[in-house]
Amino acid sequence: MRVLVSGYYGAGNLGDEALLAGLLTGLTARGHEPVVLSADPRSTRALHGVAAVDRYSGLLPALWKADALVSGGGGLLQDATSGRSLSYYLGTVRLAKALSKRVVVYGQSLGPLTPHGFARARRALAGVPLALRDQQSVALAASMGYGSVLVADPALIMPLPAGATGPVVPAGRTDGPVVLAPRGGQEALNAALAALARALQADGVPLVALAFQPRQDDTAVAELVEAAPSVVARSAATPAEALLAMADARYVVSVRLHGCILAARLGIGFAGLSYDPKVKGFLSQAAAPAFSAPVDERALLNLVRAAPPAAAHAVDHLTRLAEEGLDWLAATLEGTA
């Protein structure tokens, strides 16, 4: 089956590309032929080895040729950051339905939504199978009157590159770096990361800062280096490079959702600084520490000094949810779910 995949792809966001890597792995392993709607089709083809078309000019021709549309994953169906973004993703769903294509929403966080956005999403999603990646989204769908399936972010099953087969530094060792992943625009949470970096630098702890979306996060990384000059800024152009940059960490503290998800993929202990319900939702499912603004900086420092391992039972459960979710997706696309 030819499946058109819609999401925030080709925009240089390592988290979304990691999600796509896991989703493509699942679709192709189950016999489907994915085509990706991308902001940069050339880079998507090069990175993932998959057919890709422009998310605007290529949308209608690609939908015409496709058997189904998968909308997801990620935080697409929200209007907290942009009503225009919600219009695009709901418009893609409506167009696919108008062309009588099978449509599935998969691996998404639903919301936050304004009352107007809620009404728009409720109309567009009528009759669409929903697979959502956190309990808050499942509850929001229920408030629309829609049932949904709980799955996990497919980045949890993205292929591991050679050299990133698991944590290099076992739990309890003290010679690996603490990896910090800020997010541009989250000043209060980034300030907490900077305070943490200064305190850990005084302890002699090696530190790494990693940008998950360089255009948005580079300034925040530079500010971490300015706050604690021992911080080493590592670059990653692909999800595989991000995994390699994190593989020797003793602990990860991330404002970025996929900083936490990739730490879980590696089996490394992590904590999240939550700016969005989707981050808090994942941390709850992963039984991982969560901090919100204003951050208790002393508690965060003590946690990182202890560097507890990831909750293996919770991460294993999420990984099974990701695999089972892809089985559900394949069955739903084939009409056998």
Foldseek 3Di string as FASTA:
>chain_A
DEEEEEDAAQQQFQLQQLLVLLLVVLQVVLPYAYEYAYCDQVVVCVFRVHHYDHNPPCLPVSLLPGQEYEYDAEAQLEPPPHPVSNCSSLVSLQVSVVSVHQYEYEAYAHDPYDPVSLVSCLVSCVPHAYEYAFPVSQVSCVVSVDHYHHFHRSSLVRDADPQLQAAPDDAPDQQFAEEEEEWAPPVLVLVLVLVLLLVVVVVVGQYEYEYSRCVRCVVSRVVSCVSHVSYHYDYDSHNNRVSNVCRHHLEYEYQDQVSVSSCLSRFFAYEYEYPDVVSVRVCVLQVHHYAYPVGPSVVVNVCVVNRDTGPNVSSVVNSVRNSVSSVVVSCVSVVND
